[in-house]
C-alpha cells in the first residue's frame, strides 16, 4: 500500500490542495489503484512557504501544483506502486 499524504492546512488549502487531492483521486481511480493507494489529508506538514506539500511514503515534496497533478502522479507516485499484485 502506497500512502499519499497531502497537506490540507490553511496555507496549502489556499494554494489549491483540495483541487490537487481531487485530481490525484481521479488518477488513482482511472488506473484502478484504489486497493493499492491510500490518499489522506494532514494538517500542516511544516513546508508551507514553497507551496502545496505532499508525502509519498517517506518522501516529501514541496511546491506541487494542481496543474502538475498528472505529471506528478505518473513521475513520482506511479513508480512506487506494484501494479502486478
PDB file of N, CA and C in Angstrom:
ATOM      1  N   UNK A   1       0.855  -1.181   0.000  1.00  0.00           N
ATOM      2  CA  UNK A   1       0.000   0.000   0.000  1.00  0.00           C
ATOM      3  C   UNK A   1       0.893   1.234   0.000  1.00  0.00           C
ATOM      4  N   UNK A   2       0.649   2.122  -0.942  1.00  0.00           N
ATOM      5  CA  UNK A   2       1.349   3.404  -1.005  1.00  0.00           C
ATOM      6  C   UNK A   2       0.441   4.448  -0.355  1.00  0.00           C
ATOM      7  N   UNK A   3       0.981   5.156   0.618  1.00  0.00           N
ATOM      8  CA  UNK A   3       0.215   6.195   1.300  1.00  0.00           C
ATOM      9  C   UNK A   3       0.666   7.555   0.787  1.00  0.00           C
ATOM     10  N   UNK A   4      -0.297   8.300   0.268  1.00  0.00           N
ATOM     11  CA  UNK A   4      -0.055   9.664  -0.195  1.00  0.00           C
ATOM     12  C   UNK A   4      -0.719  10.591   0.801  1.00  0.00           C
ATOM     13  N   UNK A   5       0.069  11.456   1.412  1.00  0.00           N
ATOM     14  CA  UNK A   5      -0.446  12.414   2.379  1.00  0.00           C
ATOM     15  C   UNK A   5      -0.343  13.796   1.762  1.00  0.00           C
ATOM     16  N   UNK A   6      -1.458  14.493   1.697  1.00  0.00           N
ATOM     17  CA  UNK A   6      -1.476  15.840   1.139  1.00  0.00           C
ATOM     18  C   UNK A   6      -1.857  16.825   2.228  1.00  0.00           C
ATOM     19  N   UNK A   7      -1.112  17.912   2.300  1.00  0.00           N
ATOM     20  CA  UNK A   7      -1.377  18.921   3.318  1.00  0.00           C
ATOM     21  C   UNK A   7      -2.685  19.646   3.000  1.00  0.00           C
ATOM     22  N   UNK A   8      -3.535  19.747   4.003  1.00  0.00           N
ATOM     23  CA  UNK A   8      -4.792  20.493   3.858  1.00  0.00           C
ATOM     24  C   UNK A   8      -4.848  21.633   4.879  1.00  0.00           C
ATOM     25  N   UNK A   9      -3.677  21.993   5.401  1.00  0.00           N
ATOM     26  CA  UNK A   9      -3.603  23.150   6.292  1.00  0.00           C
ATOM     27  C   UNK A   9      -3.960  24.410   5.527  1.00  0.00           C
ATOM     28  N   UNK A  10      -4.193  25.490   6.233  1.00  0.00           N
ATOM     29  CA  UNK A  10      -4.739  26.696   5.595  1.00  0.00           C
ATOM     30  C   UNK A  10      -3.874  27.230   4.458  1.00  0.00           C
ATOM     31  N   UNK A  11      -2.571  27.250   4.597  1.00  0.00           N
ATOM     32  CA  UNK A  11      -1.706  27.774   3.536  1.00  0.00           C
ATOM     33  C   UNK A  11      -1.789  26.907   2.276  1.00  0.00           C
ATOM     34  N   UNK A  12      -1.684  25.604   2.441  1.00  0.00           N
ATOM     35  CA  UNK A  12      -1.761  24.701   1.287  1.00  0.00           C
ATOM     36  C   UNK A  12      -3.177  24.678   0.707  1.00  0.00           C
ATOM     37  N   UNK A  13      -4.166  24.745   1.581  1.00  0.00           N
ATOM     38  CA  UNK A  13      -5.553  24.773   1.109  1.00  0.00           C
ATOM     39  C   UNK A  13      -5.788  25.995   0.219  1.00  0.00           C
ATOM     40  N   UNK A  14      -5.263  27.141   0.639  1.00  0.00           N
ATOM     41  CA  UNK A  14      -5.420  28.369  -0.144  1.00  0.00           C
ATOM     42  C   UNK A  14      -4.700  28.273  -1.493  1.00  0.00           C
ATOM     43  N   UNK A  15      -3.705  27.421  -1.568  1.00  0.00           N
ATOM     44  CA  UNK A  15      -2.966  27.221  -2.826  1.00  0.00           C
ATOM     45  C   UNK A  15      -3.593  26.140  -3.693  1.00  0.00           C
ATOM     46  N   UNK A  16      -4.655  25.500  -3.212  1.00  0.00           N
ATOM     47  CA  UNK A  16      -5.379  24.531  -4.036  1.00  0.00           C
ATOM     48  C   UNK A  16      -5.167  23.079  -3.702  1.00  0.00           C
ATOM     49  N   UNK A  17      -4.793  22.762  -2.455  1.00  0.00           N
ATOM     50  CA  UNK A  17      -4.555  21.361  -2.109  1.00  0.00           C
ATOM     51  C   UNK A  17      -5.803  20.501  -2.271  1.00  0.00           C
ATOM     52  N   UNK A  18      -6.976  21.080  -2.049  1.00  0.00           N
ATOM     53  CA  UNK A  18      -8.221  20.330  -2.226  1.00  0.00           C
ATOM     54  C   UNK A  18      -8.410  19.924  -3.693  1.00  0.00           C
ATOM     55  N   UNK A  19      -8.146  20.844  -4.606  1.00  0.00           N
ATOM     56  CA  UNK A  19      -8.241  20.540  -6.037  1.00  0.00           C
ATOM     57  C   UNK A  19      -7.182  19.526  -6.448  1.00  0.00           C
ATOM     58  N   UNK A  20      -5.981  19.658  -5.906  1.00  0.00           N
ATOM     59  CA  UNK A  20      -4.908  18.707  -6.203  1.00  0.00           C
ATOM     60  C   UNK A  20      -5.275  17.317  -5.707  1.00  0.00           C
ATOM     61  N   UNK A  21      -5.836  17.235  -4.512  1.00  0.00           N
ATOM     62  CA  UNK A  21      -6.256  15.939  -3.964  1.00  0.00           C
ATOM     63  C   UNK A  21      -7.329  15.309  -4.848  1.00  0.00           C
ATOM     64  N   UNK A  22      -8.262  16.105  -5.326  1.00  0.00           N
ATOM     65  CA  UNK A  22      -9.314  15.593  -6.216  1.00  0.00           C
ATOM     66  C   UNK A  22      -8.722  15.077  -7.514  1.00  0.00           C
ATOM     67  N   UNK A  23      -7.752  15.791  -8.066  1.00  0.00           N
ATOM     68  CA  UNK A  23      -7.105  15.354  -9.308  1.00  0.00           C
ATOM     69  C   UNK A  23      -6.362  14.045  -9.099  1.00  0.00           C
ATOM     70  N   UNK A  24      -5.650  13.917  -7.978  1.00  0.00           N
ATOM     71  CA  UNK A  24      -4.939  12.670  -7.686  1.00  0.00           C
ATOM     72  C   UNK A  24      -5.922  11.525  -7.477  1.00  0.00           C
ATOM     73  N   UNK A  25      -7.030  11.802  -6.820  1.00  0.00           N
ATOM     74  CA  UNK A  25      -8.052  10.776  -6.607  1.00  0.00           C
ATOM     75  C   UNK A  25      -8.602  10.278  -7.942  1.00  0.00           C
ATOM     76  N   UNK A  26      -8.849  11.187  -8.875  1.00  0.00           N
ATOM     77  CA  UNK A  26      -9.327  10.787 -10.206  1.00  0.00           C
ATOM     78  C   UNK A  26      -8.295   9.916 -10.926  1.00  0.00           C
ATOM     79  N   UNK A  27      -7.021  10.261 -10.804  1.00  0.00           N
ATOM     80  CA  UNK A  27      -5.972   9.468 -11.449  1.00  0.00           C
ATOM     81  C   UNK A  27      -5.854   8.085 -10.813  1.00  0.00           C
ATOM     82  N   UNK A  28      -6.004   8.014  -9.511  1.00  0.00           N
ATOM     83  CA  UNK A  28      -5.989   6.720  -8.823  1.00  0.00           C
ATOM     84  C   UNK A  28      -7.140   5.853  -9.325  1.00  0.00           C
ATOM     85  N   UNK A  29      -8.320   6.445  -9.456  1.00  0.00           N
ATOM     86  CA  UNK A  29      -9.486   5.711  -9.961  1.00  0.00           C
ATOM     87  C   UNK A  29      -9.299   5.323 -11.424  1.00  0.00           C
ATOM     88  N   UNK A  30      -8.765   6.234 -12.224  1.00  0.00           N
ATOM     89  CA  UNK A  30      -8.531   5.966 -13.657  1.00  0.00           C
ATOM     90  C   UNK A  30      -7.647   4.737 -13.848  1.00  0.00           C
ATOM     91  N   UNK A  31      -6.634   4.603 -12.992  1.00  0.00           N
ATOM     92  CA  UNK A  31      -5.698   3.479 -13.085  1.00  0.00           C
ATOM     93  C   UNK A  31      -6.148   2.274 -12.258  1.00  0.00           C
ATOM     94  N   UNK A  32      -7.339   2.354 -11.654  1.00  0.00           N
ATOM     95  CA  UNK A  32      -7.906   1.271 -10.829  1.00  0.00           C
ATOM     96  C   UNK A  32      -6.941   0.857  -9.717  1.00  0.00           C
ATOM     97  N   UNK A  33      -6.429   1.841  -8.998  1.00  0.00           N
ATOM     98  CA  UNK A  33      -5.448   1.594  -7.949  1.00  0.00           C
ATOM     99  C   UNK A  33      -5.988   1.833  -6.543  1.00  0.00           C
ATOM    100  N   UNK A  34      -7.298   1.889  -6.398  1.00  0.00           N
ATOM    101  CA  UNK A  34      -7.892   2.184  -5.098  1.00  0.00           C
ATOM    102  C   UNK A  34      -7.439   1.213  -4.003  1.00  0.00           C
ATOM    103  N   UNK A  35      -7.174  -0.038  -4.349  1.00  0.00           N
ATOM    104  CA  UNK A  35      -6.760  -1.029  -3.358  1.00  0.00           C
ATOM    105  C   UNK A  35      -5.264  -0.949  -3.045  1.00  0.00           C
ATOM    106  N   UNK A  36      -4.525  -0.148  -3.828  1.00  0.00           N
ATOM    107  CA  UNK A  36      -3.079  -0.080  -3.658  1.00  0.00           C
ATOM    108  C   UNK A  36      -2.578   1.279  -3.175  1.00  0.00           C
ATOM    109  N   UNK A  37      -3.461   2.286  -3.200  1.00  0.00           N
ATOM    110  CA  UNK A  37      -3.077   3.644  -2.829  1.00  0.00           C
ATOM    111  C   UNK A  37      -4.078   4.191  -1.823  1.00  0.00           C
ATOM    112  N   UNK A  38      -3.555   4.801  -0.788  1.00  0.00           N
ATOM    113  CA  UNK A  38      -4.395   5.448   0.210  1.00  0.00           C
ATOM    114  C   UNK A  38      -4.050   6.933   0.191  1.00  0.00           C
ATOM    115  N   UNK A  39      -5.030   7.774  -0.139  1.00  0.00           N
ATOM    116  CA  UNK A  39      -4.856   9.217  -0.197  1.00  0.00           C
ATOM    117  C   UNK A  39      -5.459   9.809   1.072  1.00  0.00           C
ATOM    118  N   UNK A  40      -4.616  10.457   1.881  1.00  0.00           N
ATOM    119  CA  UNK A  40      -5.073  11.018   3.148  1.00  0.00           C
ATOM    120  C   UNK A  40      -4.657  12.482   3.260  1.00  0.00           C
ATOM    121  N   UNK A  41      -5.370  13.216   4.098  1.00  0.00           N
ATOM    122  CA  UNK A  41      -5.036  14.609   4.359  1.00  0.00           C
ATOM    123  C   UNK A  41      -4.318  14.746   5.684  1.00  0.00           C
ATOM    124  N   UNK A  42      -3.548  15.818   5.794  1.00  0.00           N
ATOM    125  CA  UNK A  42      -2.828  16.102   7.027  1.00  0.00           C
ATOM    126  C   UNK A  42      -2.763  17.608   7.200  1.00  0.00           C
ATOM    127  N   UNK A  43      -2.958  18.058   8.435  1.00  0.00           N
ATOM    128  CA  UNK A  43      -2.796  19.483   8.700  1.00  0.00           C
ATOM    129  C   UNK A  43      -1.317  19.801   8.819  1.00  0.00           C
ATOM    130  N   UNK A  44      -0.946  20.934   8.408  1.00  0.00           N
ATOM    131  CA  UNK A  44       0.403  21.491   8.321  1.00  0.00           C
ATOM    132  C   UNK A  44       1.530  20.458   8.399  1.00  0.00           C
ATOM    133  N   UNK A  45       2.253  20.374   7.300  1.00  0.00           N
ATOM    134  CA  UNK A  45       3.402  19.478   7.206  1.00  0.00           C
ATOM    135  C   UNK A  45       4.706  20.278   7.331  1.00  0.00           C
ATOM    136  N   UNK A  46       4.619  21.522   7.811  1.00  0.00           N
ATOM    137  CA  UNK A  46       5.761  22.398   8.104  1.00  0.00           C
ATOM    138  C   UNK A  46       6.598  22.780   6.885  1.00  0.00           C
ATOM    139  N   UNK A  47       6.019  22.723   5.716  1.00  0.00           N
ATOM    140  CA  UNK A  47       6.706  23.116   4.486  1.00  0.00           C
ATOM    141  C   UNK A  47       5.783  24.007   3.669  1.00  0.00           C
ATOM    142  N   UNK A  48       5.121  24.933   4.315  1.00  0.00           N
ATOM    143  CA  UNK A  48       4.044  25.697   3.679  1.00  0.00           C
ATOM    144  C   UNK A  48       4.507  26.798   2.734  1.00  0.00           C
ATOM    145  N   UNK A  49       5.635  27.407   3.000  1.00  0.00           N
ATOM    146  CA  UNK A  49       6.003  28.579   2.203  1.00  0.00           C
ATOM    147  C   UNK A  49       6.256  28.289   0.725  1.00  0.00           C
ATOM    148  N   UNK A  50       6.834  27.145   0.353  1.00  0.00           N
ATOM    149  CA  UNK A  50       7.063  26.926  -1.081  1.00  0.00           C
ATOM    150  C   UNK A  50       5.785  26.602  -1.870  1.00  0.00           C
ATOM    151  N   UNK A  51       4.792  26.022  -1.245  1.00  0.00           N
ATOM    152  CA  UNK A  51       3.571  25.630  -1.942  1.00  0.00           C
ATOM    153  C   UNK A  51       2.981  24.386  -1.305  1.00  0.00           C
ATOM    154  N   UNK A  52       2.135  23.684  -2.032  1.00  0.00           N
ATOM    155  CA  UNK A  52       1.443  22.504  -1.504  1.00  0.00           C
ATOM    156  C   UNK A  52       2.451  21.393  -1.208  1.00  0.00           C
ATOM    157  N   UNK A  53       2.330  20.821  -0.019  1.00  0.00           N
ATOM    158  CA  UNK A  53       3.212  19.733   0.405  1.00  0.00           C
ATOM    159  C   UNK A  53       2.505  18.390   0.276  1.00  0.00           C
ATOM    160  N   UNK A  54       3.249  17.416  -0.220  1.00  0.00           N
ATOM    161  CA  UNK A  54       2.747  16.047  -0.359  1.00  0.00           C
ATOM    162  C   UNK A  54       3.839  15.099   0.107  1.00  0.00           C
ATOM    163  N   UNK A  55       3.428  14.047   0.795  1.00  0.00           N
ATOM    164  CA  UNK A  55       4.348  12.981   1.174  1.00  0.00           C
ATOM    165  C   UNK A  55       3.878  11.701   0.493  1.00  0.00           C
ATOM    166  N   UNK A  56       4.806  11.035  -0.175  1.00  0.00           N
ATOM    167  CA  UNK A  56       4.545   9.727  -0.780  1.00  0.00           C
ATOM    168  C   UNK A  56       5.443   8.750  -0.045  1.00  0.00           C
ATOM    169  N   UNK A  57       4.822   7.919   0.787  1.00  0.00           N
ATOM    170  CA  UNK A  57       5.622   7.066   1.662  1.00  0.00           C
ATOM    171  C   UNK A  57       6.436   7.945   2.597  1.00  0.00           C
ATOM    172  N   UNK A  58       7.762   7.830   2.535  1.00  0.00           N
ATOM    173  CA  UNK A  58       8.646   8.619   3.386  1.00  0.00           C
ATOM    174  C   UNK A  58       9.225   9.839   2.683  1.00  0.00           C
ATOM    175  N   UNK A  59       8.913  10.020   1.415  1.00  0.00           N
ATOM    176  CA  UNK A  59       9.491  11.127   0.649  1.00  0.00           C
ATOM    177  C   UNK A  59       8.524  12.306   0.595  1.00  0.00           C
ATOM    178  N   UNK A  60       9.028  13.475   0.983  1.00  0.00           N
ATOM    179  CA  UNK A  60       8.181  14.671   0.983  1.00  0.00           C
ATOM    180  C   UNK A  60       8.523  15.561  -0.202  1.00  0.00           C
ATOM    181  N   UNK A  61       7.467  16.092  -0.829  1.00  0.00           N
ATOM    182  CA  UNK A  61       7.596  17.001  -1.956  1.00  0.00           C
ATOM    183  C   UNK A  61       6.990  18.338  -1.562  1.00  0.00           C
ATOM    184  N   UNK A  62       7.604  19.416  -2.031  1.00  0.00           N
ATOM    185  CA  UNK A  62       7.084  20.752  -1.784  1.00  0.00           C
ATOM    186  C   UNK A  62       6.765  21.404  -3.116  1.00  0.00           C
ATOM    187  N   UNK A  63       5.870  22.353  -3.066  1.00  0.00           N
ATOM    188  CA  UNK A  63       5.525  23.159  -4.231  1.00  0.00           C
ATOM    189  C   UNK A  63       4.928  22.333  -5.369  1.00  0.00           C
ATOM    190  N   UNK A  64       4.087  21.367  -5.016  1.00  0.00           N
ATOM    191  CA  UNK A  64       3.347  20.616  -6.032  1.00  0.00           C
ATOM    192  C   UNK A  64       2.136  21.467  -6.402  1.00  0.00           C
ATOM    193  N   UNK A  65       1.845  21.543  -7.659  1.00  0.00           N
ATOM    194  CA  UNK A  65       0.754  22.400  -8.140  1.00  0.00           C
ATOM    195  C   UNK A  65      -0.335  21.572  -8.806  1.00  0.00           C
ATOM    196  N   UNK A  66      -1.554  22.074  -8.711  1.00  0.00           N
ATOM    197  CA  UNK A  66      -2.705  21.399  -9.311  1.00  0.00           C
ATOM    198  C   UNK A  66      -2.466  21.112 -10.793  1.00  0.00           C
ATOM    199  N   UNK A  67      -1.947  22.090 -11.516  1.00  0.00           N
ATOM    200  CA  UNK A  67      -1.754  21.915 -12.960  1.00  0.00           C
ATOM    201  C   UNK A  67      -0.692  20.865 -13.291  1.00  0.00           C
ATOM    202  N   UNK A  68       0.086  20.459 -12.301  1.00  0.00           N
ATOM    203  CA  UNK A  68       1.107  19.426 -12.496  1.00  0.00           C
ATOM    204  C   UNK A  68       0.682  18.073 -11.941  1.00  0.00           C
ATOM    205  N   UNK A  69      -0.582  17.929 -11.560  1.00  0.00           N
ATOM    206  CA  UNK A  69      -1.052  16.719 -10.877  1.00  0.00           C
ATOM    207  C   UNK A  69      -0.783  15.454 -11.686  1.00  0.00           C
ATOM    208  N   UNK A  70      -1.124  15.451 -12.953  1.00  0.00           N
ATOM    209  CA  UNK A  70      -0.945  14.235 -13.760  1.00  0.00           C
ATOM    210  C   UNK A  70       0.534  13.884 -13.908  1.00  0.00           C
ATOM    211  N   UNK A  71       1.347  14.874 -14.221  1.00  0.00           N
ATOM    212  CA  UNK A  71       2.788  14.636 -14.345  1.00  0.00           C
ATOM    213  C   UNK A  71       3.357  14.119 -13.022  1.00  0.00           C
ATOM    214  N   UNK A  72       2.992  14.758 -11.921  1.00  0.00           N
ATOM    215  CA  UNK A  72       3.466  14.335 -10.602  1.00  0.00           C
ATOM    216  C   UNK A  72       3.039  12.899 -10.305  1.00  0.00           C
ATOM    217  N   UNK A  73       1.794  12.576 -10.615  1.00  0.00           N
ATOM    218  CA  UNK A  73       1.280  11.231 -10.355  1.00  0.00           C
ATOM    219  C   UNK A  73       2.104  10.180 -11.096  1.00  0.00           C
ATOM    220  N   UNK A  74       2.292  10.379 -12.385  1.00  0.00           N
ATOM    221  CA  UNK A  74       2.983   9.358 -13.183  1.00  0.00           C
ATOM    222  C   UNK A  74       4.498   9.347 -12.975  1.00  0.00           C
ATOM    223  N   UNK A  75       5.086  10.454 -12.560  1.00  0.00           N
ATOM    224  CA  UNK A  75       6.532  10.515 -12.335  1.00  0.00           C
ATOM    225  C   UNK A  75       6.928  10.137 -10.913  1.00  0.00           C
ATOM    226  N   UNK A  76       6.129  10.533  -9.935  1.00  0.00           N
ATOM    227  CA  UNK A  76       6.543  10.387  -8.541  1.00  0.00           C
ATOM    228  C   UNK A  76       5.741   9.361  -7.738  1.00  0.00           C
ATOM    229  N   UNK A  77       4.529   9.075  -8.146  1.00  0.00           N
ATOM    230  CA  UNK A  77       3.686   8.144  -7.388  1.00  0.00           C
ATOM    231  C   UNK A  77       3.609   6.783  -8.070  1.00  0.00           C
ATOM    232  N   UNK A  78       3.240   6.777  -9.326  1.00  0.00           N
ATOM    233  CA  UNK A  78       3.015   5.533 -10.066  1.00  0.00           C
ATOM    234  C   UNK A  78       4.199   4.558  -9.981  1.00  0.00           C
ATOM    235  N   UNK A  79       5.448   5.023 -10.078  1.00  0.00           N
ATOM    236  CA  UNK A  79       6.573   4.080  -9.991  1.00  0.00           C
ATOM    237  C   UNK A  79       6.670   3.346  -8.644  1.00  0.00           C
ATOM    238  N   UNK A  80       6.061   3.869  -7.588  1.00  0.00           N
ATOM    239  CA  UNK A  80       6.126   3.239  -6.267  1.00  0.00           C
ATOM    240  C   UNK A  80       5.042   2.173  -6.073  1.00  0.00           C
ATOM    241  N   UNK A  81       4.145   2.054  -7.020  1.00  0.00           N
ATOM    242  CA  UNK A  81       3.004   1.143  -6.880  1.00  0.00           C
ATOM    243  C   UNK A  81       3.311  -0.162  -7.598  1.00  0.00           C
ATOM    244  N   UNK A  82       3.143  -1.269  -6.897  1.00  0.00           N
ATOM    245  CA  UNK A  82       3.319  -2.581  -7.514  1.00  0.00           C
ATOM    246  C   UNK A  82       2.020  -2.940  -8.220  1.00  0.00           C
ATOM    247  N   UNK A  83       1.935  -2.629  -9.502  1.00  0.00           N
ATOM    248  CA  UNK A  83       0.697  -2.829 -10.254  1.00  0.00           C
ATOM    249  C   UNK A  83       0.445  -4.294 -10.605  1.00  0.00           C
ATOM    250  N   UNK A  84       1.428  -5.157 -10.406  1.00  0.00           N
ATOM    251  CA  UNK A  84       1.279  -6.577 -10.762  1.00  0.00           C
ATOM    252  C   UNK A  84       0.540  -7.371  -9.706  1.00  0.00           C
ATOM    253  N   UNK A  85       0.510  -6.885  -8.485  1.00  0.00           N
ATOM    254  CA  UNK A  85      -0.169  -7.615  -7.391  1.00  0.00           C
ATOM    255  C   UNK A  85      -1.649  -7.439  -7.494  1.00  0.00           C
TER     256      UNK A  85
END
